[in-house]
Each structure stands twice: as C-alpha cells, then as structure tokens.
Amino acid sequence: MPIVSMFLGIIIRMYNNGEHNPPHFHAAYQGYNGIFNMEGELIEGEMPKRQIKFIAAWAELHKDELLANWELAINEQPLYKIAPLR
C-alpha cells in the first residue's frame, strides 16, 4: 500500500489496486491503525485522540488531493505524494 504522506510519526497510505468505495485512506501511528473518510473522521480501527485531530486537520487541508489520489487508486494508477502537516 503506497505511502502518500508522513507527519508527526503518522503514516498515511492508500491502496492503488482498484480500491473500493466509499473513499478513504489508512493511517498508522505507533501500533495503532485506522481508516479515515475524506473528511478525516475515523471510520474503523483505533487511533489516539491527539493523532485523530492531526489527521483531521491534514485531511481538511488536502481534501482535493486526497480525492484526486482516490480517482487514481480506483483506476490502478500511481498515487501522488501529499505534503505533510506542518
């Protein structure tokens, strides 16, 4: 699963093998794993509250890029890197 961004110890990934709906991305942090919708809401898994806030802020800033990557993913195309949260 390609890494699309990394920040504050959080790794953001998306599959690019004809991914299934609804649009989402995966986040990992120190043994925690979660699936987030494009609004940055945790929809599956576990993640510390502080990291959820960071991920939500990042997703809000990069929603258009996430959606563009989603389109690439469902068409099995290479994904673009997305800038980290600073």
C-alpha atoms as a PDB file:
ATOM      1  CA  MET A   1       0.000   0.000   0.000  1.00  0.00           C
ATOM      2  CA  PRO A   2       1.735   3.212  -1.138  1.00  0.00           C
ATOM      3  CA  ILE A   3       2.622   5.890   1.409  1.00  0.00           C
ATOM      4  CA  VAL A   4       1.127   9.230   0.356  1.00  0.00           C
ATOM      5  CA  SER A   5       2.252  11.305   3.360  1.00  0.00           C
ATOM      6  CA  MET A   6       4.109  11.129   6.676  1.00  0.00           C
ATOM      7  CA  PHE A   7       3.996  13.640   9.537  1.00  0.00           C
ATOM      8  CA  LEU A   8       4.376  13.654  13.318  1.00  0.00           C
ATOM      9  CA  GLY A   9       5.009   9.906  13.328  1.00  0.00           C
ATOM     10  CA  ILE A  10       1.788   9.247  11.360  1.00  0.00           C
ATOM     11  CA  ILE A  11       1.949   7.327   8.082  1.00  0.00           C
ATOM     12  CA  ILE A  12      -0.867   7.883   5.569  1.00  0.00           C
ATOM     13  CA  ARG A  13      -1.450   5.227   2.904  1.00  0.00           C
ATOM     14  CA  MET A  14      -3.907   4.475   0.119  1.00  0.00           C
ATOM     15  CA  TYR A  15      -4.276   1.316  -1.914  1.00  0.00           C
ATOM     16  CA  ASN A  16      -3.919   1.757  -5.667  1.00  0.00           C
ATOM     17  CA  ASN A  17      -5.300  -1.573  -6.781  1.00  0.00           C
ATOM     18  CA  GLY A  18      -8.863  -0.703  -7.761  1.00  0.00           C
ATOM     19  CA  GLU A  19      -9.773   0.378  -4.203  1.00  0.00           C
ATOM     20  CA  HIS A  20     -13.378   0.023  -3.087  1.00  0.00           C
ATOM     21  CA  ASN A  21     -15.869   2.730  -2.079  1.00  0.00           C
ATOM     22  CA  PRO A  22     -16.521   4.740  -0.003  1.00  0.00           C
ATOM     23  CA  PRO A  23     -13.425   6.933  -0.460  1.00  0.00           C
ATOM     24  CA  HIS A  24     -10.997   6.541   2.437  1.00  0.00           C
ATOM     25  CA  PHE A  25      -7.364   6.403   3.478  1.00  0.00           C
ATOM     26  CA  HIS A  26      -5.392   4.426   6.040  1.00  0.00           C
ATOM     27  CA  ALA A  27      -3.325   5.878   8.888  1.00  0.00           C
ATOM     28  CA  ALA A  28      -0.811   4.186  11.172  1.00  0.00           C
ATOM     29  CA  TYR A  29       0.834   5.514  14.327  1.00  0.00           C
ATOM     30  CA  GLN A  30       2.911   3.527  16.824  1.00  0.00           C
ATOM     31  CA  GLY A  31       0.941   0.298  16.502  1.00  0.00           C
ATOM     32  CA  TYR A  32      -2.443   1.984  16.005  1.00  0.00           C
ATOM     33  CA  ASN A  33      -4.210   1.609  12.682  1.00  0.00           C
ATOM     34  CA  GLY A  34      -7.274   3.414  11.445  1.00  0.00           C
ATOM     35  CA  ILE A  35      -9.312   4.008   8.337  1.00  0.00           C
ATOM     36  CA  PHE A  36     -10.489   7.572   7.766  1.00  0.00           C
ATOM     37  CA  ASN A  37     -13.020   9.089   5.391  1.00  0.00           C
ATOM     38  CA  MET A  38     -12.013  12.082   3.260  1.00  0.00           C
ATOM     39  CA  GLU A  39     -13.233  14.466   5.970  1.00  0.00           C
ATOM     40  CA  GLY A  40     -10.660  12.994   8.339  1.00  0.00           C
ATOM     41  CA  GLU A  41     -13.152  11.110  10.510  1.00  0.00           C
ATOM     42  CA  LEU A  42     -12.080   7.756  11.947  1.00  0.00           C
ATOM     43  CA  ILE A  43     -14.467   5.156  10.500  1.00  0.00           C
ATOM     44  CA  GLU A  44     -12.678   1.958  11.512  1.00  0.00           C
ATOM     45  CA  GLY A  45      -9.852   0.923  13.824  1.00  0.00           C
ATOM     46  CA  GLU A  46      -8.174   2.783  16.673  1.00  0.00           C
ATOM     47  CA  MET A  47      -6.042   5.897  16.935  1.00  0.00           C
ATOM     48  CA  PRO A  48      -5.148   8.191  19.873  1.00  0.00           C
ATOM     49  CA  LYS A  49      -7.349  11.303  20.062  1.00  0.00           C
ATOM     50  CA  ARG A  50      -4.432  13.690  19.536  1.00  0.00           C
ATOM     51  CA  GLN A  51      -3.415  11.928  16.310  1.00  0.00           C
ATOM     52  CA  ILE A  52      -7.043  11.872  15.115  1.00  0.00           C
ATOM     53  CA  LYS A  53      -7.041  15.674  15.432  1.00  0.00           C
ATOM     54  CA  PHE A  54      -3.811  15.951  13.433  1.00  0.00           C
ATOM     55  CA  ILE A  55      -5.145  13.614  10.750  1.00  0.00           C
ATOM     56  CA  ALA A  56      -8.450  15.517  10.538  1.00  0.00           C
ATOM     57  CA  ALA A  57      -6.601  18.839  10.138  1.00  0.00           C
ATOM     58  CA  TRP A  58      -4.344  17.360   7.459  1.00  0.00           C
ATOM     59  CA  ALA A  59      -7.308  15.836   5.587  1.00  0.00           C
ATOM     60  CA  GLU A  60      -9.145  19.166   5.614  1.00  0.00           C
ATOM     61  CA  LEU A  61      -6.130  20.944   4.117  1.00  0.00           C
ATOM     62  CA  HIS A  62      -5.592  18.274   1.450  1.00  0.00           C
ATOM     63  CA  LYS A  63      -9.100  17.031   0.659  1.00  0.00           C
ATOM     64  CA  ASP A  64      -8.832  17.846  -3.075  1.00  0.00           C
ATOM     65  CA  GLU A  65      -5.521  15.986  -3.312  1.00  0.00           C
ATOM     66  CA  LEU A  66      -6.951  13.014  -1.410  1.00  0.00           C
ATOM     67  CA  LEU A  67      -9.904  12.835  -3.786  1.00  0.00           C
ATOM     68  CA  ALA A  68      -7.587  13.095  -6.799  1.00  0.00           C
ATOM     69  CA  ASN A  69      -5.498  10.238  -5.397  1.00  0.00           C
ATOM     70  CA  TRP A  70      -8.686   8.249  -4.811  1.00  0.00           C
ATOM     71  CA  GLU A  71      -9.564   8.552  -8.507  1.00  0.00           C
ATOM     72  CA  LEU A  72      -6.079   7.361  -9.388  1.00  0.00           C
ATOM     73  CA  ALA A  73      -6.383   4.480  -6.912  1.00  0.00           C
ATOM     74  CA  ILE A  74      -9.634   3.128  -8.295  1.00  0.00           C
ATOM     75  CA  ASN A  75      -8.079   3.260 -11.772  1.00  0.00           C
ATOM     76  CA  GLU A  76      -4.969   1.426 -10.527  1.00  0.00           C
ATOM     77  CA  GLN A  77      -2.692   4.372 -11.307  1.00  0.00           C
ATOM     78  CA  PRO A  78       0.359   5.565  -9.316  1.00  0.00           C
ATOM     79  CA  LEU A  79      -0.532   7.909  -6.454  1.00  0.00           C
ATOM     80  CA  TYR A  80       0.909  11.347  -5.762  1.00  0.00           C
ATOM     81  CA  LYS A  81       2.663  12.297  -2.535  1.00  0.00           C
ATOM     82  CA  ILE A  82       0.768  14.812  -0.403  1.00  0.00           C
ATOM     83  CA  ALA A  83       2.543  17.431   1.701  1.00  0.00           C
ATOM     84  CA  PRO A  84       2.774  16.664   5.419  1.00  0.00           C
ATOM     85  CA  LEU A  85       1.097  18.635   8.175  1.00  0.00           C
ATOM     86  CA  ARG A  86       3.448  21.379   9.307  1.00  0.00           C
END
